[in-house]
Amino acid sequence: MRIHQFGENVEYPRTAPAERQPIKPAGDGEGEIELEQWLNASPNSLLDEQILLFSRQPNLPTGEPDLLGLDRFGNVLVFELKRGDSGSESASEASIVSQPQLYSQALDRYDYHDLDALYTEYRDGESTISDTVATHDSLTPAFNAFFDRDVDPWELNQAQRLVIVAENITHQTRQSSRWLRDQGLDIQCVEVQRFQFPSGEIGFGAVTVVDFDESQTQSSEVSK
């Protein structure tokens, strides 16, 4: 990922490369919590679509996913975030793809009331929430307002999507994710890197390195 900043001289445009700044380990003051906070504040930067976040580190029977969101079809997105390489430190190459599947397995059993309870917990306890979440006290009205739709509660969570987010998606993670995608699992891998621009400002860039077939996750007319 290469990012450049344009200079202020419009007549003679010049660009300067932004300097990549890897996220520091947790012991040095940053870590995955900061990455999670950045993405919680700007979820639409992750994927080329609108995302309504409705839960952060909820306590599921199979663990605590980093972030949960909804796409415009009402599918639940499970975000697994990793500082550094996708298969390193506490997250092995096997667990980086298997853990989100366990979260998805637990969420598949959740009905609307379960999701709404997660939404209420997120709305009441999270400091950084969207204006839509702050305005609506339950999940369905928030979803309909955010996506300008008119869905019934049972239409949400017809399917789950898995999104692995790391500073560097390793070759093995890419291969494993592509194989799972080809087997019908809705999985994506996104690289997120932080940069310091010549002006001194800090920003980050995101690129999807493993995508999925959107047609597989469009909402069904039949309730599960």
C-alpha atoms as a PDB file:
ATOM      1  CA  MET A   1       0.000   0.000   0.000  1.00  0.00           C
ATOM      2  CA  ARG A   2       1.599   3.248  -1.148  1.00  0.00           C
ATOM      3  CA  ILE A   3       0.076   6.584  -0.096  1.00  0.00           C
ATOM      4  CA  HIS A   4       1.251  10.032  -1.194  1.00  0.00           C
ATOM      5  CA  GLN A   5       0.206  13.539  -0.186  1.00  0.00           C
ATOM      6  CA  PHE A   6      -0.091  16.396  -2.678  1.00  0.00           C
ATOM      7  CA  GLY A   7       1.720  19.646  -1.980  1.00  0.00           C
ATOM      8  CA  GLU A   8      -0.049  22.991  -1.635  1.00  0.00           C
ATOM      9  CA  ASN A   9       1.252  24.419  -4.918  1.00  0.00           C
ATOM     10  CA  VAL A  10      -1.568  23.751  -7.390  1.00  0.00           C
ATOM     11  CA  GLU A  11       0.287  25.222 -10.381  1.00  0.00           C
ATOM     12  CA  TYR A  12       3.273  22.918  -9.917  1.00  0.00           C
ATOM     13  CA  PRO A  13       1.826  19.834  -8.229  1.00  0.00           C
ATOM     14  CA  ARG A  14       4.216  17.657  -6.278  1.00  0.00           C
ATOM     15  CA  THR A  15       3.638  14.662  -4.076  1.00  0.00           C
ATOM     16  CA  ALA A  16       5.524  13.283  -1.107  1.00  0.00           C
ATOM     17  CA  PRO A  17       5.208   9.716   0.161  1.00  0.00           C
ATOM     18  CA  ALA A  18       3.587   9.116   3.513  1.00  0.00           C
ATOM     19  CA  GLU A  19       5.746   7.255   6.002  1.00  0.00           C
ATOM     20  CA  ARG A  20       4.298   4.000   7.259  1.00  0.00           C
ATOM     21  CA  GLN A  21       4.112   3.788  11.064  1.00  0.00           C
ATOM     22  CA  PRO A  22       3.493   0.252  12.338  1.00  0.00           C
ATOM     23  CA  ILE A  23       1.179   0.023  15.337  1.00  0.00           C
ATOM     24  CA  LYS A  24       3.226  -0.431  18.508  1.00  0.00           C
ATOM     25  CA  PRO A  25       2.783  -3.453  20.788  1.00  0.00           C
ATOM     26  CA  ALA A  26       0.372  -3.038  23.674  1.00  0.00           C
ATOM     27  CA  GLY A  27       3.221  -2.712  26.168  1.00  0.00           C
ATOM     28  CA  ASP A  28       4.474   0.333  24.299  1.00  0.00           C
ATOM     29  CA  GLY A  29       1.165   2.170  24.566  1.00  0.00           C
ATOM     30  CA  GLU A  30      -0.895   1.089  21.555  1.00  0.00           C
ATOM     31  CA  GLY A  31      -1.706  -2.434  20.411  1.00  0.00           C
ATOM     32  CA  GLU A  32      -4.891  -3.954  19.053  1.00  0.00           C
ATOM     33  CA  ILE A  33      -7.143  -1.910  21.366  1.00  0.00           C
ATOM     34  CA  GLU A  34      -6.112   1.299  19.595  1.00  0.00           C
ATOM     35  CA  LEU A  35      -6.636  -0.335  16.188  1.00  0.00           C
ATOM     36  CA  GLU A  36     -10.082  -1.385  17.361  1.00  0.00           C
ATOM     37  CA  GLN A  37     -10.870   2.155  18.531  1.00  0.00           C
ATOM     38  CA  TRP A  38      -9.844   3.671  15.190  1.00  0.00           C
ATOM     39  CA  LEU A  39     -11.970   1.262  13.202  1.00  0.00           C
ATOM     40  CA  ASN A  40     -14.892   1.583  15.615  1.00  0.00           C
ATOM     41  CA  ALA A  41     -14.844   5.307  14.888  1.00  0.00           C
ATOM     42  CA  SER A  42     -14.709   4.846  11.089  1.00  0.00           C
ATOM     43  CA  PRO A  43     -16.192   1.471  10.081  1.00  0.00           C
ATOM     44  CA  ASN A  44     -16.888   2.524   6.483  1.00  0.00           C
ATOM     45  CA  SER A  45     -13.142   2.797   5.893  1.00  0.00           C
ATOM     46  CA  LEU A  46     -12.769  -0.969   6.177  1.00  0.00           C
ATOM     47  CA  LEU A  47     -14.844  -2.106   3.217  1.00  0.00           C
ATOM     48  CA  ASP A  48     -16.255  -0.444   0.123  1.00  0.00           C
ATOM     49  CA  GLU A  49     -19.745  -0.354   1.633  1.00  0.00           C
ATOM     50  CA  GLN A  50     -21.724   1.071   4.520  1.00  0.00           C
ATOM     51  CA  ILE A  51     -21.476  -0.779   7.824  1.00  0.00           C
ATOM     52  CA  LEU A  52     -23.604  -0.270  10.925  1.00  0.00           C
ATOM     53  CA  LEU A  53     -21.578  -1.284  13.967  1.00  0.00           C
ATOM     54  CA  PHE A  54     -23.747  -2.515  16.817  1.00  0.00           C
ATOM     55  CA  SER A  55     -21.423  -4.345  19.214  1.00  0.00           C
ATOM     56  CA  ARG A  56     -17.846  -4.241  20.456  1.00  0.00           C
ATOM     57  CA  GLN A  57     -16.214  -7.188  22.237  1.00  0.00           C
ATOM     58  CA  PRO A  58     -19.519  -8.839  23.232  1.00  0.00           C
ATOM     59  CA  ASN A  59     -19.402 -11.927  25.425  1.00  0.00           C
ATOM     60  CA  LEU A  60     -20.483 -14.799  23.145  1.00  0.00           C
ATOM     61  CA  PRO A  61     -20.516 -18.494  24.131  1.00  0.00           C
ATOM     62  CA  THR A  62     -17.454 -19.019  21.897  1.00  0.00           C
ATOM     63  CA  GLY A  63     -15.472 -15.935  22.882  1.00  0.00           C
ATOM     64  CA  GLU A  64     -15.357 -12.169  22.334  1.00  0.00           C
ATOM     65  CA  PRO A  65     -15.215 -10.895  18.745  1.00  0.00           C
ATOM     66  CA  ASP A  66     -13.620  -7.474  18.322  1.00  0.00           C
ATOM     67  CA  LEU A  67     -16.457  -5.776  16.426  1.00  0.00           C
ATOM     68  CA  LEU A  68     -19.870  -6.754  15.075  1.00  0.00           C
ATOM     69  CA  GLY A  69     -21.722  -4.905  12.346  1.00  0.00           C
ATOM     70  CA  LEU A  70     -24.558  -5.210   9.833  1.00  0.00           C
ATOM     71  CA  ASP A  71     -24.398  -4.808   6.067  1.00  0.00           C
ATOM     72  CA  ARG A  72     -27.267  -3.442   3.966  1.00  0.00           C
ATOM     73  CA  PHE A  73     -28.753  -6.927   3.551  1.00  0.00           C
ATOM     74  CA  GLY A  74     -28.953  -7.441   7.334  1.00  0.00           C
ATOM     75  CA  ASN A  75     -26.064  -9.931   7.482  1.00  0.00           C
ATOM     76  CA  VAL A  76     -23.902  -9.828  10.604  1.00  0.00           C
ATOM     77  CA  LEU A  77     -20.246  -8.953  10.008  1.00  0.00           C
ATOM     78  CA  VAL A  78     -17.727 -10.420  12.448  1.00  0.00           C
ATOM     79  CA  PHE A  79     -14.468  -8.436  12.558  1.00  0.00           C
ATOM     80  CA  GLU A  80     -11.297 -10.088  13.862  1.00  0.00           C
ATOM     81  CA  LEU A  81      -8.540  -7.471  14.303  1.00  0.00           C
ATOM     82  CA  LYS A  82      -4.810  -8.160  14.527  1.00  0.00           C
ATOM     83  CA  ARG A  83      -1.850  -5.842  15.016  1.00  0.00           C
ATOM     84  CA  GLY A  84       1.088  -6.835  12.837  1.00  0.00           C
ATOM     85  CA  ASP A  85       0.915 -10.051  10.811  1.00  0.00           C
ATOM     86  CA  SER A  86      -2.379 -11.924  10.679  1.00  0.00           C
ATOM     87  CA  GLY A  87      -0.836 -15.176  11.935  1.00  0.00           C
ATOM     88  CA  SER A  88       1.540 -14.131  14.703  1.00  0.00           C
ATOM     89  CA  GLU A  89       1.895 -13.806  18.481  1.00  0.00           C
ATOM     90  CA  SER A  90      -1.309 -14.964  20.223  1.00  0.00           C
ATOM     91  CA  ALA A  91      -3.150 -15.612  16.935  1.00  0.00           C
ATOM     92  CA  SER A  92      -1.723 -18.564  15.018  1.00  0.00           C
ATOM     93  CA  GLU A  93      -2.376 -19.115  11.320  1.00  0.00           C
ATOM     94  CA  ALA A  94      -5.004 -21.682  12.300  1.00  0.00           C
ATOM     95  CA  SER A  95      -6.785 -19.609  14.937  1.00  0.00           C
ATOM     96  CA  ILE A  96      -6.897 -16.405  12.874  1.00  0.00           C
ATOM     97  CA  VAL A  97      -9.387 -18.096  10.529  1.00  0.00           C
ATOM     98  CA  SER A  98     -10.981 -20.571  12.931  1.00  0.00           C
ATOM     99  CA  GLN A  99     -11.861 -18.144  15.742  1.00  0.00           C
ATOM    100  CA  PRO A 100     -14.153 -15.947  13.601  1.00  0.00           C
ATOM    101  CA  GLN A 101     -15.901 -19.118  12.452  1.00  0.00           C
ATOM    102  CA  LEU A 102     -16.661 -19.983  16.085  1.00  0.00           C
ATOM    103  CA  TYR A 103     -18.074 -16.500  16.621  1.00  0.00           C
ATOM    104  CA  SER A 104     -20.207 -16.898  13.500  1.00  0.00           C
ATOM    105  CA  GLN A 105     -21.419 -20.294  14.706  1.00  0.00           C
ATOM    106  CA  ALA A 106     -22.615 -18.757  17.975  1.00  0.00           C
ATOM    107  CA  LEU A 107     -24.245 -15.787  16.248  1.00  0.00           C
ATOM    108  CA  ASP A 108     -26.141 -18.030  13.835  1.00  0.00           C
ATOM    109  CA  ARG A 109     -28.265 -19.124  16.803  1.00  0.00           C
ATOM    110  CA  TYR A 110     -29.007 -15.563  17.890  1.00  0.00           C
ATOM    111  CA  ASP A 111     -32.524 -14.287  17.294  1.00  0.00           C
ATOM    112  CA  TYR A 112     -33.443 -10.627  17.026  1.00  0.00           C
ATOM    113  CA  HIS A 113     -33.840 -10.160  20.789  1.00  0.00           C
ATOM    114  CA  ASP A 114     -30.306 -11.454  21.332  1.00  0.00           C
ATOM    115  CA  LEU A 115     -28.921  -9.025  18.756  1.00  0.00           C
ATOM    116  CA  ASP A 116     -30.932  -6.158  20.186  1.00  0.00           C
ATOM    117  CA  ALA A 117     -29.492  -6.891  23.636  1.00  0.00           C
ATOM    118  CA  LEU A 118     -25.974  -6.603  22.189  1.00  0.00           C
ATOM    119  CA  TYR A 119     -26.994  -3.348  20.519  1.00  0.00           C
ATOM    120  CA  THR A 120     -28.332  -1.923  23.798  1.00  0.00           C
ATOM    121  CA  GLU A 121     -25.138  -2.893  25.615  1.00  0.00           C
ATOM    122  CA  TYR A 122     -23.041  -1.223  22.904  1.00  0.00           C
ATOM    123  CA  ARG A 123     -25.190   1.909  22.839  1.00  0.00           C
ATOM    124  CA  ASP A 124     -25.137   2.345  26.614  1.00  0.00           C
ATOM    125  CA  GLY A 125     -21.486   1.508  27.181  1.00  0.00           C
ATOM    126  CA  GLU A 126     -19.501   2.697  24.150  1.00  0.00           C
ATOM    127  CA  SER A 127     -18.244   6.270  24.031  1.00  0.00           C
ATOM    128  CA  THR A 128     -17.737   6.387  20.248  1.00  0.00           C
ATOM    129  CA  ILE A 129     -20.967   5.522  18.442  1.00  0.00           C
ATOM    130  CA  SER A 130     -22.575   6.719  15.232  1.00  0.00           C
ATOM    131  CA  ASP A 131     -25.306   9.352  15.247  1.00  0.00           C
ATOM    132  CA  THR A 132     -27.759   6.670  14.105  1.00  0.00           C
ATOM    133  CA  VAL A 133     -27.013   4.449  17.101  1.00  0.00           C
ATOM    134  CA  ALA A 134     -27.184   7.419  19.463  1.00  0.00           C
ATOM    135  CA  THR A 135     -30.619   8.374  18.096  1.00  0.00           C
ATOM    136  CA  HIS A 136     -32.376   4.974  18.100  1.00  0.00           C
ATOM    137  CA  ASP A 137     -32.829   2.841  21.194  1.00  0.00           C
ATOM    138  CA  SER A 138     -33.304  -0.493  19.345  1.00  0.00           C
ATOM    139  CA  LEU A 139     -31.590  -2.248  16.474  1.00  0.00           C
ATOM    140  CA  THR A 140     -34.272  -2.480  13.768  1.00  0.00           C
ATOM    141  CA  PRO A 141     -35.143   1.253  13.719  1.00  0.00           C
ATOM    142  CA  ALA A 142     -31.418   2.047  13.669  1.00  0.00           C
ATOM    143  CA  PHE A 143     -30.866  -0.348  10.753  1.00  0.00           C
ATOM    144  CA  ASN A 144     -33.794   1.039   8.754  1.00  0.00           C
ATOM    145  CA  ALA A 145     -32.690   4.629   9.329  1.00  0.00           C
ATOM    146  CA  PHE A 146     -29.046   3.938   8.539  1.00  0.00           C
ATOM    147  CA  PHE A 147     -29.686   2.049   5.285  1.00  0.00           C
ATOM    148  CA  ASP A 148     -32.980   3.795   4.393  1.00  0.00           C
ATOM    149  CA  ARG A 149     -34.843   0.496   4.346  1.00  0.00           C
ATOM    150  CA  ASP A 150     -37.989  -0.982   5.920  1.00  0.00           C
ATOM    151  CA  VAL A 151     -37.134  -4.474   7.157  1.00  0.00           C
ATOM    152  CA  ASP A 152     -38.727  -6.604   9.844  1.00  0.00           C
ATOM    153  CA  PRO A 153     -36.645  -7.836  12.803  1.00  0.00           C
ATOM    154  CA  TRP A 154     -36.568 -11.451  11.579  1.00  0.00           C
ATOM    155  CA  GLU A 155     -34.868 -10.346   8.346  1.00  0.00           C
ATOM    156  CA  LEU A 156     -31.668  -9.498  10.235  1.00  0.00           C
ATOM    157  CA  ASN A 157     -28.927 -12.103  10.724  1.00  0.00           C
ATOM    158  CA  GLN A 158     -29.927 -14.402   7.880  1.00  0.00           C
ATOM    159  CA  ALA A 159     -26.213 -15.020   7.337  1.00  0.00           C
ATOM    160  CA  GLN A 160     -22.841 -14.056   8.786  1.00  0.00           C
ATOM    161  CA  ARG A 161     -19.736 -12.632   7.116  1.00  0.00           C
ATOM    162  CA  LEU A 162     -16.212 -12.906   8.492  1.00  0.00           C
ATOM    163  CA  VAL A 163     -13.677 -10.103   8.068  1.00  0.00           C
ATOM    164  CA  ILE A 164     -10.045 -10.573   9.137  1.00  0.00           C
ATOM    165  CA  VAL A 165      -8.254  -7.254   9.588  1.00  0.00           C
ATOM    166  CA  ALA A 166      -4.479  -7.006  10.087  1.00  0.00           C
ATOM    167  CA  GLU A 167      -1.584  -4.741   9.234  1.00  0.00           C
ATOM    168  CA  ASN A 168      -0.236  -7.543   7.060  1.00  0.00           C
ATOM    169  CA  ILE A 169      -2.296 -10.481   5.803  1.00  0.00           C
ATOM    170  CA  THR A 170       0.199 -13.327   5.496  1.00  0.00           C
ATOM    171  CA  HIS A 171       0.397 -15.660   2.516  1.00  0.00           C
ATOM    172  CA  GLN A 172      -0.923 -18.566   4.600  1.00  0.00           C
ATOM    173  CA  THR A 173      -3.904 -16.539   5.841  1.00  0.00           C
ATOM    174  CA  ARG A 174      -4.704 -15.532   2.268  1.00  0.00           C
ATOM    175  CA  GLN A 175      -4.531 -19.124   1.064  1.00  0.00           C
ATOM    176  CA  SER A 176      -6.687 -20.427   3.933  1.00  0.00           C
ATOM    177  CA  SER A 177      -9.255 -17.666   3.471  1.00  0.00           C
ATOM    178  CA  ARG A 178      -9.486 -18.195  -0.278  1.00  0.00           C
ATOM    179  CA  TRP A 179     -10.043 -21.918   0.251  1.00  0.00           C
ATOM    180  CA  LEU A 180     -12.801 -21.247   2.805  1.00  0.00           C
ATOM    181  CA  ARG A 181     -14.349 -18.681   0.445  1.00  0.00           C
ATOM    182  CA  ASP A 182     -14.351 -21.226  -2.377  1.00  0.00           C
ATOM    183  CA  GLN A 183     -16.124 -23.677  -0.053  1.00  0.00           C
ATOM    184  CA  GLY A 184     -18.936 -21.148   0.369  1.00  0.00           C
ATOM    185  CA  LEU A 185     -17.857 -19.261   3.522  1.00  0.00           C
ATOM    186  CA  ASP A 186     -18.304 -15.485   3.301  1.00  0.00           C
ATOM    187  CA  ILE A 187     -14.838 -14.323   4.332  1.00  0.00           C
ATOM    188  CA  GLN A 188     -12.719 -11.280   3.530  1.00  0.00           C
ATOM    189  CA  CYS A 189      -9.218 -10.176   4.479  1.00  0.00           C
ATOM    190  CA  VAL A 190      -8.346  -6.501   4.809  1.00  0.00           C
ATOM    191  CA  GLU A 191      -4.945  -4.908   5.374  1.00  0.00           C
ATOM    192  CA  VAL A 192      -4.975  -1.703   7.442  1.00  0.00           C
ATOM    193  CA  GLN A 193      -1.794   0.343   7.756  1.00  0.00           C
ATOM    194  CA  ARG A 194      -1.098   3.610   9.555  1.00  0.00           C
ATOM    195  CA  PHE A 195       0.800   6.470   7.923  1.00  0.00           C
ATOM    196  CA  GLN A 196       2.242   9.834   8.904  1.00  0.00           C
ATOM    197  CA  PHE A 197       1.923  12.406   6.125  1.00  0.00           C
ATOM    198  CA  PRO A 198       4.595  15.031   5.359  1.00  0.00           C
ATOM    199  CA  SER A 199       2.286  17.607   6.968  1.00  0.00           C
ATOM    200  CA  GLY A 200       2.601  15.701  10.252  1.00  0.00           C
ATOM    201  CA  GLU A 201      -0.979  14.439  10.228  1.00  0.00           C
ATOM    202  CA  ILE A 202      -1.718  10.770  10.920  1.00  0.00           C
ATOM    203  CA  GLY A 203      -4.031   8.637   8.781  1.00  0.00           C
ATOM    204  CA  PHE A 204      -4.506   5.059   7.700  1.00  0.00           C
ATOM    205  CA  GLY A 205      -5.314   3.160   4.555  1.00  0.00           C
ATOM    206  CA  ALA A 206      -7.252  -0.059   3.991  1.00  0.00           C
ATOM    207  CA  VAL A 207      -7.176  -2.500   1.080  1.00  0.00           C
ATOM    208  CA  THR A 208      -9.151  -5.740   0.638  1.00  0.00           C
ATOM    209  CA  VAL A 209      -6.775  -8.534  -0.350  1.00  0.00           C
ATOM    210  CA  VAL A 210      -9.287 -11.413  -0.218  1.00  0.00           C
ATOM    211  CA  ASP A 211     -12.847 -10.611  -1.298  1.00  0.00           C
ATOM    212  CA  PHE A 212     -16.087 -12.608  -1.451  1.00  0.00           C
ATOM    213  CA  ASP A 213     -19.083 -13.109  -3.737  1.00  0.00           C
ATOM    214  CA  GLU A 214     -21.661 -10.515  -2.658  1.00  0.00           C
ATOM    215  CA  SER A 215     -24.499 -12.435  -4.324  1.00  0.00           C
ATOM    216  CA  GLN A 216     -24.109 -15.196  -1.740  1.00  0.00           C
ATOM    217  CA  THR A 217     -25.068 -12.892   1.137  1.00  0.00           C
ATOM    218  CA  GLN A 218     -28.083 -11.077  -0.263  1.00  0.00           C
ATOM    219  CA  SER A 219     -31.111 -11.413   1.973  1.00  0.00           C
ATOM    220  CA  SER A 220     -33.462 -14.349   1.542  1.00  0.00           C
ATOM    221  CA  GLU A 221     -37.246 -14.160   1.442  1.00  0.00           C
ATOM    222  CA  VAL A 222     -37.529 -17.141   3.792  1.00  0.00           C
ATOM    223  CA  SER A 223     -37.000 -16.828   7.520  1.00  0.00           C
ATOM    224  CA  LYS A 224     -34.500 -19.265   8.974  1.00  0.00           C
END
